[in-house]
N, C-alpha and C. Protein backbone atom coordinates (compact mmCIF):
# COMPACT_ATOMS: atom_id res chain seq x y z
N MET A 1 0.85 -1.19 0.00
CA MET A 1 0.00 0.00 0.00
C MET A 1 0.89 1.24 0.00
N THR A 2 0.63 2.16 -0.93
CA THR A 2 1.39 3.40 -1.02
C THR A 2 0.72 4.50 -0.19
N ALA A 3 1.52 5.41 0.32
CA ALA A 3 1.00 6.52 1.12
C ALA A 3 1.52 7.84 0.55
N LEU A 4 0.62 8.78 0.33
CA LEU A 4 0.96 10.08 -0.21
C LEU A 4 0.38 11.16 0.69
N TYR A 5 1.20 12.17 1.02
CA TYR A 5 0.70 13.28 1.85
C TYR A 5 0.07 14.31 0.91
N LEU A 6 -1.26 14.29 0.82
CA LEU A 6 -1.97 15.11 -0.17
C LEU A 6 -2.83 16.21 0.44
N TYR A 7 -3.07 16.15 1.74
CA TYR A 7 -3.99 17.10 2.35
C TYR A 7 -3.29 17.86 3.49
N PRO A 8 -2.71 19.01 3.17
CA PRO A 8 -2.00 19.78 4.20
C PRO A 8 -2.95 20.26 5.30
N GLY A 9 -2.36 20.69 6.40
CA GLY A 9 -3.14 21.08 7.57
C GLY A 9 -4.18 22.15 7.28
N TRP A 10 -3.82 23.18 6.52
CA TRP A 10 -4.77 24.27 6.26
C TRP A 10 -5.99 23.77 5.50
N LEU A 11 -5.77 22.82 4.58
CA LEU A 11 -6.87 22.30 3.78
C LEU A 11 -7.79 21.44 4.63
N ARG A 12 -7.20 20.63 5.51
CA ARG A 12 -8.01 19.79 6.39
C ARG A 12 -8.81 20.66 7.36
N LEU A 13 -8.20 21.70 7.89
CA LEU A 13 -8.90 22.60 8.80
C LEU A 13 -10.08 23.25 8.08
N TRP A 14 -9.81 23.77 6.87
CA TRP A 14 -10.89 24.39 6.10
C TRP A 14 -12.01 23.38 5.84
N HIS A 15 -11.66 22.15 5.46
CA HIS A 15 -12.65 21.13 5.13
C HIS A 15 -13.61 20.88 6.28
N TRP A 16 -13.07 20.70 7.49
CA TRP A 16 -13.92 20.36 8.62
C TRP A 16 -14.70 21.57 9.13
N VAL A 17 -14.10 22.75 9.06
CA VAL A 17 -14.85 23.96 9.41
C VAL A 17 -15.99 24.15 8.42
N ASN A 18 -15.70 23.96 7.13
CA ASN A 18 -16.71 24.10 6.10
C ASN A 18 -17.85 23.08 6.30
N ALA A 19 -17.48 21.85 6.66
CA ALA A 19 -18.49 20.81 6.90
C ALA A 19 -19.40 21.20 8.06
N ALA A 20 -18.81 21.70 9.16
CA ALA A 20 -19.60 22.09 10.32
C ALA A 20 -20.54 23.25 9.97
N LEU A 21 -20.03 24.20 9.19
CA LEU A 21 -20.86 25.34 8.79
C LEU A 21 -21.99 24.90 7.88
N PHE A 22 -21.72 23.93 7.01
CA PHE A 22 -22.77 23.42 6.13
C PHE A 22 -23.88 22.77 6.94
N VAL A 23 -23.51 21.98 7.94
CA VAL A 23 -24.53 21.34 8.78
C VAL A 23 -25.37 22.41 9.47
N ALA A 24 -24.70 23.43 10.02
CA ALA A 24 -25.42 24.51 10.69
C ALA A 24 -26.35 25.24 9.72
N LEU A 25 -25.88 25.47 8.51
CA LEU A 25 -26.69 26.17 7.51
C LEU A 25 -27.88 25.32 7.05
N ILE A 26 -27.67 24.02 6.90
CA ILE A 26 -28.76 23.15 6.47
C ILE A 26 -29.85 23.09 7.54
N VAL A 27 -29.44 22.85 8.79
CA VAL A 27 -30.41 22.75 9.89
C VAL A 27 -31.16 24.06 10.07
N SER A 28 -30.42 25.17 10.12
CA SER A 28 -31.07 26.47 10.33
C SER A 28 -31.86 26.90 9.10
N GLY A 29 -31.35 26.58 7.91
CA GLY A 29 -32.06 26.94 6.69
C GLY A 29 -33.40 26.23 6.56
N VAL A 30 -33.42 24.93 6.87
CA VAL A 30 -34.67 24.18 6.85
C VAL A 30 -35.63 24.74 7.90
N SER A 31 -35.10 25.11 9.06
CA SER A 31 -35.94 25.67 10.12
C SER A 31 -36.54 27.01 9.70
N LEU A 32 -35.80 27.79 8.93
CA LEU A 32 -36.33 29.07 8.44
C LEU A 32 -37.36 28.85 7.34
N HIS A 33 -37.04 27.91 6.44
CA HIS A 33 -37.91 27.67 5.28
C HIS A 33 -39.26 27.09 5.72
N TYR A 34 -39.22 26.22 6.74
CA TYR A 34 -40.45 25.59 7.23
C TYR A 34 -40.72 26.05 8.66
N ALA A 35 -40.65 27.35 8.87
CA ALA A 35 -40.81 27.93 10.21
C ALA A 35 -42.12 27.48 10.85
N GLY A 36 -42.01 27.06 12.10
CA GLY A 36 -43.19 26.65 12.85
C GLY A 36 -43.44 25.16 12.83
N ALA A 37 -42.77 24.43 11.96
CA ALA A 37 -42.97 22.97 11.90
C ALA A 37 -42.36 22.32 13.14
N ALA A 38 -42.97 21.24 13.57
CA ALA A 38 -42.51 20.55 14.78
C ALA A 38 -41.11 19.98 14.59
N GLY A 39 -40.31 20.06 15.65
CA GLY A 39 -38.98 19.47 15.64
C GLY A 39 -37.89 20.36 15.06
N LEU A 40 -38.25 21.55 14.59
CA LEU A 40 -37.26 22.46 14.02
C LEU A 40 -36.88 23.54 15.02
N LEU A 41 -35.82 24.26 14.69
CA LEU A 41 -35.36 25.35 15.57
C LEU A 41 -36.36 26.50 15.57
N PRO A 42 -36.47 27.21 16.70
CA PRO A 42 -37.28 28.43 16.71
C PRO A 42 -36.76 29.41 15.66
N PHE A 43 -37.66 30.19 15.09
CA PHE A 43 -37.30 31.06 13.97
C PHE A 43 -36.15 32.00 14.32
N ARG A 44 -36.23 32.68 15.45
CA ARG A 44 -35.19 33.66 15.82
C ARG A 44 -33.83 32.97 16.03
N THR A 45 -33.85 31.81 16.65
CA THR A 45 -32.61 31.06 16.86
C THR A 45 -32.01 30.64 15.53
N ALA A 46 -32.87 30.12 14.65
CA ALA A 46 -32.41 29.67 13.33
C ALA A 46 -31.85 30.84 12.54
N LEU A 47 -32.47 32.01 12.66
CA LEU A 47 -32.01 33.18 11.91
C LEU A 47 -30.61 33.60 12.35
N VAL A 48 -30.38 33.63 13.65
CA VAL A 48 -29.06 34.01 14.16
C VAL A 48 -28.00 32.99 13.73
N ILE A 49 -28.32 31.72 13.87
CA ILE A 49 -27.37 30.66 13.47
C ILE A 49 -27.08 30.74 11.97
N HIS A 50 -28.12 30.91 11.17
CA HIS A 50 -27.96 30.93 9.71
C HIS A 50 -27.11 32.12 9.27
N ASN A 51 -27.41 33.29 9.80
CA ASN A 51 -26.65 34.47 9.41
C ASN A 51 -25.19 34.38 9.85
N THR A 52 -24.98 33.91 11.08
CA THR A 52 -23.61 33.78 11.60
C THR A 52 -22.82 32.75 10.79
N ALA A 53 -23.43 31.60 10.54
CA ALA A 53 -22.76 30.56 9.76
C ALA A 53 -22.50 31.02 8.34
N GLY A 54 -23.42 31.80 7.78
CA GLY A 54 -23.24 32.31 6.42
C GLY A 54 -22.06 33.27 6.32
N ILE A 55 -21.92 34.13 7.30
CA ILE A 55 -20.79 35.07 7.31
C ILE A 55 -19.48 34.30 7.47
N LEU A 56 -19.47 33.32 8.38
CA LEU A 56 -18.26 32.51 8.57
C LEU A 56 -17.95 31.68 7.33
N LEU A 57 -18.98 31.22 6.63
CA LEU A 57 -18.77 30.46 5.39
C LEU A 57 -18.11 31.35 4.34
N THR A 58 -18.49 32.60 4.29
CA THR A 58 -17.86 33.55 3.36
C THR A 58 -16.37 33.67 3.65
N VAL A 59 -16.05 33.82 4.93
CA VAL A 59 -14.63 33.95 5.33
C VAL A 59 -13.88 32.66 4.98
N ALA A 60 -14.50 31.51 5.26
CA ALA A 60 -13.86 30.23 4.97
C ALA A 60 -13.65 30.05 3.47
N TRP A 61 -14.63 30.45 2.67
CA TRP A 61 -14.49 30.30 1.21
C TRP A 61 -13.37 31.18 0.67
N VAL A 62 -13.28 32.40 1.16
CA VAL A 62 -12.18 33.29 0.75
C VAL A 62 -10.84 32.66 1.14
N GLY A 63 -10.78 32.07 2.34
CA GLY A 63 -9.57 31.39 2.77
C GLY A 63 -9.23 30.22 1.86
N PHE A 64 -10.24 29.50 1.42
CA PHE A 64 -10.03 28.37 0.51
C PHE A 64 -9.45 28.85 -0.82
N VAL A 65 -10.02 29.90 -1.37
CA VAL A 65 -9.54 30.44 -2.65
C VAL A 65 -8.11 30.93 -2.52
N VAL A 66 -7.84 31.71 -1.47
CA VAL A 66 -6.49 32.23 -1.27
C VAL A 66 -5.51 31.09 -1.05
N GLY A 67 -5.90 30.10 -0.26
CA GLY A 67 -5.03 28.96 0.00
C GLY A 67 -4.64 28.23 -1.27
N ASN A 68 -5.59 28.09 -2.19
CA ASN A 68 -5.30 27.42 -3.45
C ASN A 68 -4.44 28.27 -4.37
N LEU A 69 -4.53 29.58 -4.23
CA LEU A 69 -3.73 30.48 -5.07
C LEU A 69 -2.27 30.52 -4.62
N VAL A 70 -2.04 30.42 -3.32
CA VAL A 70 -0.68 30.60 -2.79
C VAL A 70 0.02 29.27 -2.51
N THR A 71 -0.69 28.16 -2.66
CA THR A 71 -0.05 26.85 -2.48
C THR A 71 -0.19 26.05 -3.77
N GLY A 72 0.39 24.88 -3.78
CA GLY A 72 0.30 24.04 -4.97
C GLY A 72 -1.02 23.30 -5.10
N ASN A 73 -1.92 23.45 -4.11
CA ASN A 73 -3.16 22.68 -4.15
C ASN A 73 -4.07 23.09 -5.30
N GLY A 74 -3.94 24.33 -5.75
CA GLY A 74 -4.80 24.80 -6.83
C GLY A 74 -4.66 24.02 -8.12
N ARG A 75 -3.51 23.40 -8.34
CA ARG A 75 -3.28 22.68 -9.60
C ARG A 75 -4.23 21.48 -9.74
N HIS A 76 -4.73 20.98 -8.63
CA HIS A 76 -5.59 19.80 -8.70
C HIS A 76 -6.97 20.12 -9.28
N TYR A 77 -7.29 21.41 -9.42
CA TYR A 77 -8.58 21.80 -9.97
C TYR A 77 -8.48 22.23 -11.43
N ARG A 78 -7.28 22.11 -12.00
CA ARG A 78 -7.11 22.45 -13.42
C ARG A 78 -7.53 21.25 -14.26
N ILE A 79 -8.59 21.42 -14.99
CA ILE A 79 -9.18 20.32 -15.76
C ILE A 79 -8.46 20.16 -17.09
N ARG A 80 -7.99 18.95 -17.35
CA ARG A 80 -7.34 18.63 -18.63
C ARG A 80 -8.43 18.23 -19.62
N LEU A 81 -8.60 19.06 -20.65
CA LEU A 81 -9.71 18.87 -21.57
C LEU A 81 -9.53 17.67 -22.50
N ARG A 82 -8.30 17.36 -22.85
CA ARG A 82 -8.07 16.26 -23.78
C ARG A 82 -8.51 14.93 -23.16
N GLY A 83 -9.42 14.26 -23.83
CA GLY A 83 -9.92 12.98 -23.34
C GLY A 83 -10.85 13.09 -22.15
N LEU A 84 -11.33 14.30 -21.86
CA LEU A 84 -12.13 14.52 -20.65
C LEU A 84 -13.43 13.71 -20.67
N TRP A 85 -14.12 13.71 -21.82
CA TRP A 85 -15.38 12.99 -21.89
C TRP A 85 -15.21 11.51 -21.58
N ARG A 86 -14.22 10.90 -22.20
CA ARG A 86 -13.99 9.47 -21.98
C ARG A 86 -13.62 9.18 -20.54
N ARG A 87 -12.72 9.98 -19.98
CA ARG A 87 -12.28 9.75 -18.61
C ARG A 87 -13.44 9.96 -17.62
N THR A 88 -14.27 10.95 -17.89
CA THR A 88 -15.41 11.22 -17.02
C THR A 88 -16.43 10.09 -17.09
N TRP A 89 -16.67 9.58 -18.31
CA TRP A 89 -17.60 8.46 -18.46
C TRP A 89 -17.08 7.22 -17.74
N ASP A 90 -15.80 6.93 -17.89
CA ASP A 90 -15.20 5.76 -17.23
C ASP A 90 -15.36 5.87 -15.72
N GLN A 91 -15.15 7.07 -15.19
CA GLN A 91 -15.25 7.26 -13.75
C GLN A 91 -16.70 7.14 -13.28
N THR A 92 -17.62 7.71 -14.03
CA THR A 92 -19.04 7.64 -13.68
C THR A 92 -19.52 6.20 -13.70
N PHE A 93 -19.14 5.46 -14.75
CA PHE A 93 -19.55 4.05 -14.87
C PHE A 93 -18.99 3.23 -13.70
N TYR A 94 -17.77 3.56 -13.30
CA TYR A 94 -17.17 2.84 -12.18
C TYR A 94 -17.98 3.06 -10.90
N TYR A 95 -18.34 4.33 -10.62
CA TYR A 95 -19.09 4.63 -9.41
C TYR A 95 -20.47 3.99 -9.42
N LEU A 96 -21.10 3.94 -10.58
CA LEU A 96 -22.47 3.43 -10.68
C LEU A 96 -22.54 1.91 -10.81
N VAL A 97 -21.56 1.32 -11.51
CA VAL A 97 -21.63 -0.10 -11.82
C VAL A 97 -20.36 -0.86 -11.44
N GLY A 98 -19.23 -0.39 -11.96
CA GLY A 98 -17.98 -1.13 -11.81
C GLY A 98 -17.58 -1.45 -10.40
N ILE A 99 -17.77 -0.52 -9.49
CA ILE A 99 -17.36 -0.73 -8.10
C ILE A 99 -18.10 -1.90 -7.46
N PHE A 100 -19.34 -2.14 -7.92
CA PHE A 100 -20.14 -3.23 -7.35
C PHE A 100 -19.80 -4.57 -8.00
N ARG A 101 -19.01 -4.53 -9.07
CA ARG A 101 -18.60 -5.76 -9.74
C ARG A 101 -17.13 -6.09 -9.46
N GLY A 102 -16.51 -5.29 -8.60
CA GLY A 102 -15.10 -5.53 -8.28
C GLY A 102 -14.16 -5.09 -9.38
N ALA A 103 -14.60 -4.17 -10.25
CA ALA A 103 -13.75 -3.69 -11.35
C ALA A 103 -12.62 -2.83 -10.80
N PRO A 104 -11.48 -2.78 -11.47
CA PRO A 104 -10.38 -1.92 -11.02
C PRO A 104 -10.75 -0.45 -11.16
N HIS A 105 -10.25 0.35 -10.27
CA HIS A 105 -10.53 1.78 -10.30
C HIS A 105 -9.86 2.39 -11.53
N PRO A 106 -10.58 3.17 -12.35
CA PRO A 106 -9.98 3.73 -13.57
C PRO A 106 -9.00 4.87 -13.30
N PHE A 107 -8.95 5.34 -12.05
CA PHE A 107 -8.08 6.47 -11.72
C PHE A 107 -7.25 6.12 -10.49
N HIS A 108 -5.97 6.43 -10.56
CA HIS A 108 -5.09 6.20 -9.42
C HIS A 108 -4.50 7.52 -8.95
N VAL A 109 -4.63 7.77 -7.67
CA VAL A 109 -4.17 9.02 -7.08
C VAL A 109 -2.66 9.12 -7.13
N THR A 110 -2.16 10.31 -7.49
CA THR A 110 -0.73 10.60 -7.47
C THR A 110 -0.54 11.96 -6.83
N GLU A 111 0.71 12.32 -6.57
CA GLU A 111 0.98 13.64 -6.02
C GLU A 111 0.61 14.74 -7.00
N ALA A 112 0.69 14.44 -8.28
CA ALA A 112 0.37 15.44 -9.31
C ALA A 112 -1.13 15.54 -9.56
N ALA A 113 -1.88 14.48 -9.28
CA ALA A 113 -3.32 14.46 -9.55
C ALA A 113 -4.03 13.64 -8.49
N LYS A 114 -4.65 14.32 -7.55
CA LYS A 114 -5.35 13.59 -6.48
C LYS A 114 -6.85 13.51 -6.72
N LEU A 115 -7.35 14.21 -7.74
CA LEU A 115 -8.77 14.20 -8.04
C LEU A 115 -9.03 13.56 -9.40
N ASN A 116 -9.97 12.63 -9.44
CA ASN A 116 -10.34 12.06 -10.73
C ASN A 116 -11.18 13.09 -11.50
N PRO A 117 -11.40 12.89 -12.80
CA PRO A 117 -12.08 13.92 -13.61
C PRO A 117 -13.47 14.27 -13.12
N LEU A 118 -14.21 13.29 -12.60
CA LEU A 118 -15.55 13.56 -12.09
C LEU A 118 -15.48 14.42 -10.84
N GLN A 119 -14.50 14.14 -9.99
CA GLN A 119 -14.30 14.96 -8.80
C GLN A 119 -13.91 16.38 -9.19
N GLN A 120 -13.00 16.51 -10.15
CA GLN A 120 -12.60 17.84 -10.60
C GLN A 120 -13.79 18.66 -11.07
N LEU A 121 -14.60 18.07 -11.93
CA LEU A 121 -15.76 18.79 -12.47
C LEU A 121 -16.74 19.18 -11.37
N SER A 122 -17.02 18.25 -10.47
CA SER A 122 -17.99 18.53 -9.42
C SER A 122 -17.45 19.53 -8.41
N TYR A 123 -16.16 19.43 -8.06
CA TYR A 123 -15.59 20.37 -7.10
C TYR A 123 -15.47 21.77 -7.68
N VAL A 124 -15.08 21.87 -8.94
CA VAL A 124 -15.01 23.18 -9.58
C VAL A 124 -16.39 23.81 -9.64
N ALA A 125 -17.40 23.01 -10.01
CA ALA A 125 -18.77 23.53 -10.07
C ALA A 125 -19.25 23.96 -8.69
N ALA A 126 -18.96 23.14 -7.67
CA ALA A 126 -19.44 23.44 -6.32
C ALA A 126 -18.72 24.64 -5.72
N MET A 127 -17.38 24.64 -5.80
CA MET A 127 -16.59 25.64 -5.08
C MET A 127 -16.42 26.96 -5.84
N PHE A 128 -16.48 26.92 -7.16
CA PHE A 128 -16.20 28.13 -7.92
C PHE A 128 -17.39 28.66 -8.72
N VAL A 129 -18.51 27.94 -8.65
CA VAL A 129 -19.73 28.43 -9.30
C VAL A 129 -20.87 28.52 -8.27
N LEU A 130 -21.20 27.39 -7.66
CA LEU A 130 -22.34 27.37 -6.74
C LEU A 130 -22.06 28.12 -5.44
N MET A 131 -20.87 27.93 -4.87
CA MET A 131 -20.57 28.62 -3.61
C MET A 131 -20.62 30.14 -3.75
N PRO A 132 -20.01 30.72 -4.80
CA PRO A 132 -20.14 32.18 -4.95
C PRO A 132 -21.60 32.62 -5.08
N LEU A 133 -22.41 31.84 -5.81
CA LEU A 133 -23.83 32.17 -5.95
C LEU A 133 -24.55 32.08 -4.61
N LEU A 134 -24.22 31.04 -3.83
CA LEU A 134 -24.83 30.89 -2.51
C LEU A 134 -24.46 32.07 -1.61
N ILE A 135 -23.18 32.42 -1.62
CA ILE A 135 -22.71 33.50 -0.76
C ILE A 135 -23.31 34.84 -1.19
N LEU A 136 -23.30 35.11 -2.49
CA LEU A 136 -23.84 36.39 -2.98
C LEU A 136 -25.34 36.51 -2.70
N SER A 137 -26.07 35.42 -2.92
CA SER A 137 -27.51 35.47 -2.65
C SER A 137 -27.78 35.58 -1.14
N GLY A 138 -26.92 34.94 -0.33
CA GLY A 138 -27.07 35.06 1.12
C GLY A 138 -26.84 36.49 1.59
N TRP A 139 -25.80 37.12 1.04
CA TRP A 139 -25.56 38.52 1.39
C TRP A 139 -26.65 39.41 0.83
N GLY A 140 -27.26 38.98 -0.29
CA GLY A 140 -28.39 39.73 -0.83
C GLY A 140 -29.55 39.77 0.16
N PHE A 141 -29.77 38.65 0.86
CA PHE A 141 -30.78 38.62 1.90
C PHE A 141 -30.43 39.58 3.04
N LEU A 142 -29.17 39.50 3.48
CA LEU A 142 -28.75 40.34 4.61
C LEU A 142 -28.85 41.82 4.28
N LEU A 143 -28.58 42.16 3.04
CA LEU A 143 -28.56 43.58 2.62
C LEU A 143 -29.75 43.91 1.72
N SER A 144 -30.84 43.18 1.90
CA SER A 144 -31.99 43.33 1.00
C SER A 144 -32.56 44.74 0.98
N VAL A 145 -32.44 45.45 2.10
CA VAL A 145 -33.00 46.82 2.13
C VAL A 145 -32.22 47.77 1.22
N ARG A 146 -31.01 47.38 0.84
CA ARG A 146 -30.19 48.22 -0.02
C ARG A 146 -30.32 47.85 -1.50
N LEU A 147 -31.04 46.77 -1.79
CA LEU A 147 -31.20 46.34 -3.16
C LEU A 147 -32.32 47.09 -3.86
N PRO A 148 -32.27 47.22 -5.18
CA PRO A 148 -33.39 47.83 -5.90
C PRO A 148 -34.63 46.93 -5.78
N GLU A 149 -35.81 47.52 -5.90
CA GLU A 149 -37.03 46.74 -5.73
C GLU A 149 -37.23 45.72 -6.85
N THR A 150 -36.81 46.08 -8.06
CA THR A 150 -36.98 45.16 -9.19
C THR A 150 -35.66 45.00 -9.95
N LEU A 151 -35.56 43.86 -10.62
CA LEU A 151 -34.39 43.57 -11.45
C LEU A 151 -34.89 42.75 -12.63
N PHE A 152 -34.62 43.24 -13.84
CA PHE A 152 -35.12 42.58 -15.06
C PHE A 152 -36.64 42.43 -15.02
N GLY A 153 -37.30 43.41 -14.40
CA GLY A 153 -38.76 43.39 -14.35
C GLY A 153 -39.34 42.49 -13.29
N LEU A 154 -38.50 41.87 -12.48
CA LEU A 154 -38.95 40.97 -11.42
C LEU A 154 -38.57 41.53 -10.06
N GLY A 155 -39.29 41.11 -9.03
CA GLY A 155 -38.94 41.54 -7.69
C GLY A 155 -37.57 41.02 -7.30
N THR A 156 -36.66 41.91 -6.93
CA THR A 156 -35.29 41.52 -6.63
C THR A 156 -35.21 40.48 -5.53
N ILE A 157 -36.01 40.65 -4.50
CA ILE A 157 -35.95 39.72 -3.37
C ILE A 157 -36.36 38.31 -3.80
N TRP A 158 -37.27 38.19 -4.79
CA TRP A 158 -37.67 36.88 -5.27
C TRP A 158 -36.55 36.23 -6.08
N ILE A 159 -35.81 37.04 -6.82
CA ILE A 159 -34.65 36.51 -7.57
C ILE A 159 -33.60 36.00 -6.59
N VAL A 160 -33.34 36.81 -5.57
CA VAL A 160 -32.36 36.42 -4.55
C VAL A 160 -32.80 35.15 -3.83
N ALA A 161 -34.06 35.12 -3.43
CA ALA A 161 -34.58 33.96 -2.69
C ALA A 161 -34.56 32.70 -3.56
N GLY A 162 -35.00 32.83 -4.80
CA GLY A 162 -35.02 31.67 -5.70
C GLY A 162 -33.63 31.13 -5.95
N THR A 163 -32.69 32.04 -6.19
CA THR A 163 -31.30 31.62 -6.41
C THR A 163 -30.74 30.92 -5.18
N HIS A 164 -31.01 31.48 -4.02
CA HIS A 164 -30.47 30.92 -2.78
C HIS A 164 -31.00 29.52 -2.52
N VAL A 165 -32.29 29.33 -2.72
CA VAL A 165 -32.90 28.03 -2.46
C VAL A 165 -32.43 26.98 -3.46
N VAL A 166 -32.42 27.32 -4.74
CA VAL A 166 -32.01 26.36 -5.77
C VAL A 166 -30.55 25.96 -5.58
N VAL A 167 -29.69 26.94 -5.36
CA VAL A 167 -28.27 26.65 -5.16
C VAL A 167 -28.06 25.83 -3.89
N SER A 168 -28.84 26.12 -2.87
CA SER A 168 -28.73 25.35 -1.62
C SER A 168 -29.04 23.88 -1.85
N TYR A 169 -30.11 23.61 -2.60
CA TYR A 169 -30.48 22.23 -2.89
C TYR A 169 -29.39 21.53 -3.71
N LEU A 170 -28.81 22.24 -4.67
CA LEU A 170 -27.75 21.66 -5.49
C LEU A 170 -26.52 21.33 -4.65
N LEU A 171 -26.20 22.19 -3.70
CA LEU A 171 -25.04 21.95 -2.84
C LEU A 171 -25.32 20.82 -1.85
N VAL A 172 -26.55 20.69 -1.38
CA VAL A 172 -26.90 19.55 -0.53
C VAL A 172 -26.75 18.26 -1.33
N LEU A 173 -27.17 18.27 -2.60
CA LEU A 173 -26.98 17.11 -3.46
C LEU A 173 -25.50 16.79 -3.62
N PHE A 174 -24.68 17.83 -3.78
CA PHE A 174 -23.23 17.63 -3.87
C PHE A 174 -22.70 16.97 -2.61
N VAL A 175 -23.16 17.41 -1.45
CA VAL A 175 -22.70 16.84 -0.18
C VAL A 175 -23.08 15.36 -0.09
N LEU A 176 -24.29 15.02 -0.51
CA LEU A 176 -24.72 13.62 -0.46
C LEU A 176 -23.86 12.74 -1.37
N VAL A 177 -23.58 13.24 -2.58
CA VAL A 177 -22.70 12.48 -3.48
C VAL A 177 -21.30 12.39 -2.89
N HIS A 178 -20.85 13.48 -2.29
CA HIS A 178 -19.53 13.51 -1.66
C HIS A 178 -19.42 12.45 -0.57
N LEU A 179 -20.48 12.29 0.22
CA LEU A 179 -20.48 11.29 1.28
C LEU A 179 -20.37 9.88 0.70
N TYR A 180 -20.99 9.67 -0.45
CA TYR A 180 -20.87 8.36 -1.09
C TYR A 180 -19.44 8.13 -1.58
N VAL A 181 -18.88 9.14 -2.24
CA VAL A 181 -17.54 9.01 -2.82
C VAL A 181 -16.51 8.74 -1.72
N ILE A 182 -16.75 9.29 -0.53
CA ILE A 182 -15.83 9.07 0.59
C ILE A 182 -15.63 7.57 0.84
N THR A 183 -16.66 6.78 0.59
CA THR A 183 -16.61 5.34 0.91
C THR A 183 -15.98 4.51 -0.20
N THR A 184 -15.52 5.14 -1.29
CA THR A 184 -15.07 4.36 -2.45
C THR A 184 -13.55 4.24 -2.55
N GLY A 185 -12.84 4.46 -1.46
CA GLY A 185 -11.39 4.31 -1.47
C GLY A 185 -10.97 2.86 -1.39
N ALA A 186 -9.69 2.63 -1.14
CA ALA A 186 -9.18 1.26 -1.02
C ALA A 186 -9.97 0.49 0.04
N ARG A 187 -10.34 1.20 1.10
CA ARG A 187 -11.25 0.67 2.11
C ARG A 187 -12.30 1.73 2.38
N VAL A 188 -13.37 1.35 3.04
CA VAL A 188 -14.48 2.28 3.25
C VAL A 188 -14.02 3.55 3.98
N THR A 189 -13.07 3.40 4.91
CA THR A 189 -12.63 4.54 5.71
C THR A 189 -11.37 5.22 5.17
N THR A 190 -10.83 4.76 4.05
CA THR A 190 -9.56 5.30 3.55
C THR A 190 -9.62 6.80 3.30
N ASN A 191 -10.64 7.26 2.56
CA ASN A 191 -10.73 8.67 2.21
C ASN A 191 -11.02 9.54 3.43
N LEU A 192 -11.83 9.03 4.35
CA LEU A 192 -12.12 9.77 5.58
C LEU A 192 -10.86 9.95 6.40
N ARG A 193 -10.09 8.89 6.55
CA ARG A 193 -8.85 8.97 7.32
C ARG A 193 -7.86 9.92 6.66
N ALA A 194 -7.86 9.96 5.34
CA ALA A 194 -6.95 10.88 4.63
C ALA A 194 -7.24 12.32 4.99
N MET A 195 -8.51 12.68 5.13
CA MET A 195 -8.85 14.05 5.47
C MET A 195 -8.67 14.34 6.95
N LEU A 196 -8.42 13.31 7.74
CA LEU A 196 -8.10 13.50 9.15
C LEU A 196 -6.60 13.58 9.38
N THR A 197 -5.84 12.77 8.64
CA THR A 197 -4.39 12.69 8.85
C THR A 197 -3.57 13.42 7.80
N GLY A 198 -4.15 13.64 6.63
CA GLY A 198 -3.41 14.23 5.52
C GLY A 198 -2.81 13.21 4.57
N TRP A 199 -2.75 11.95 5.00
CA TRP A 199 -2.11 10.88 4.20
C TRP A 199 -3.16 10.07 3.47
N HIS A 200 -2.99 9.99 2.16
CA HIS A 200 -3.84 9.12 1.34
C HIS A 200 -3.14 7.79 1.13
N ARG A 201 -3.86 6.72 1.38
CA ARG A 201 -3.30 5.38 1.22
C ARG A 201 -4.09 4.62 0.16
N GLU A 202 -3.38 3.98 -0.73
CA GLU A 202 -4.00 3.28 -1.84
C GLU A 202 -3.32 1.93 -2.04
N ASP A 203 -4.13 0.89 -2.18
CA ASP A 203 -3.58 -0.43 -2.43
C ASP A 203 -2.89 -0.47 -3.78
N GLY A 204 -1.79 -1.19 -3.84
CA GLY A 204 -1.13 -1.36 -5.13
C GLY A 204 -1.90 -2.35 -5.99
N ASP A 205 -1.60 -2.34 -7.31
CA ASP A 205 -2.30 -3.25 -8.22
C ASP A 205 -1.86 -4.67 -7.92
């Protein structure tokens, strides 16, 4: 079994802080969206938690972007276009079918490439498209009194609200898929342990 140090301390810290903030945002967001339903947080409590977690998520996301710019970690998000469709299909088929048939993994982690093409595409979409939209729409809520009443002929607050809800659902879907992918390492706990220790371990062929 080979071992590679792929997750530096700053990245692991960001990952777990981000995970905790996501849980807080999901719980408080559901409580706000379905205010008054049994078993949910009181509205005022949920509002404070949601706003606080949202502000901290903004800070964490900026830290993530800066961290990738000033360290070598950013290279793992550079998508190689040549052969991308084929590599993405192979990876998708493996996750959906091959893994249950004992097929060999089509991608092997290296120091130069720790993300398979499907991970690259999903992480880039989540962290550099959906997260900015989530953060901007969240701040739109916080600063709604400063926004124009209409935008493109529609009520601005409805555009902000619709964007925030749709993006939230997409990111929750990303988290669910992420939880599944965590279990697809050499062993069920391999990927989880890597994000705790920094060391990725992979069985040799």
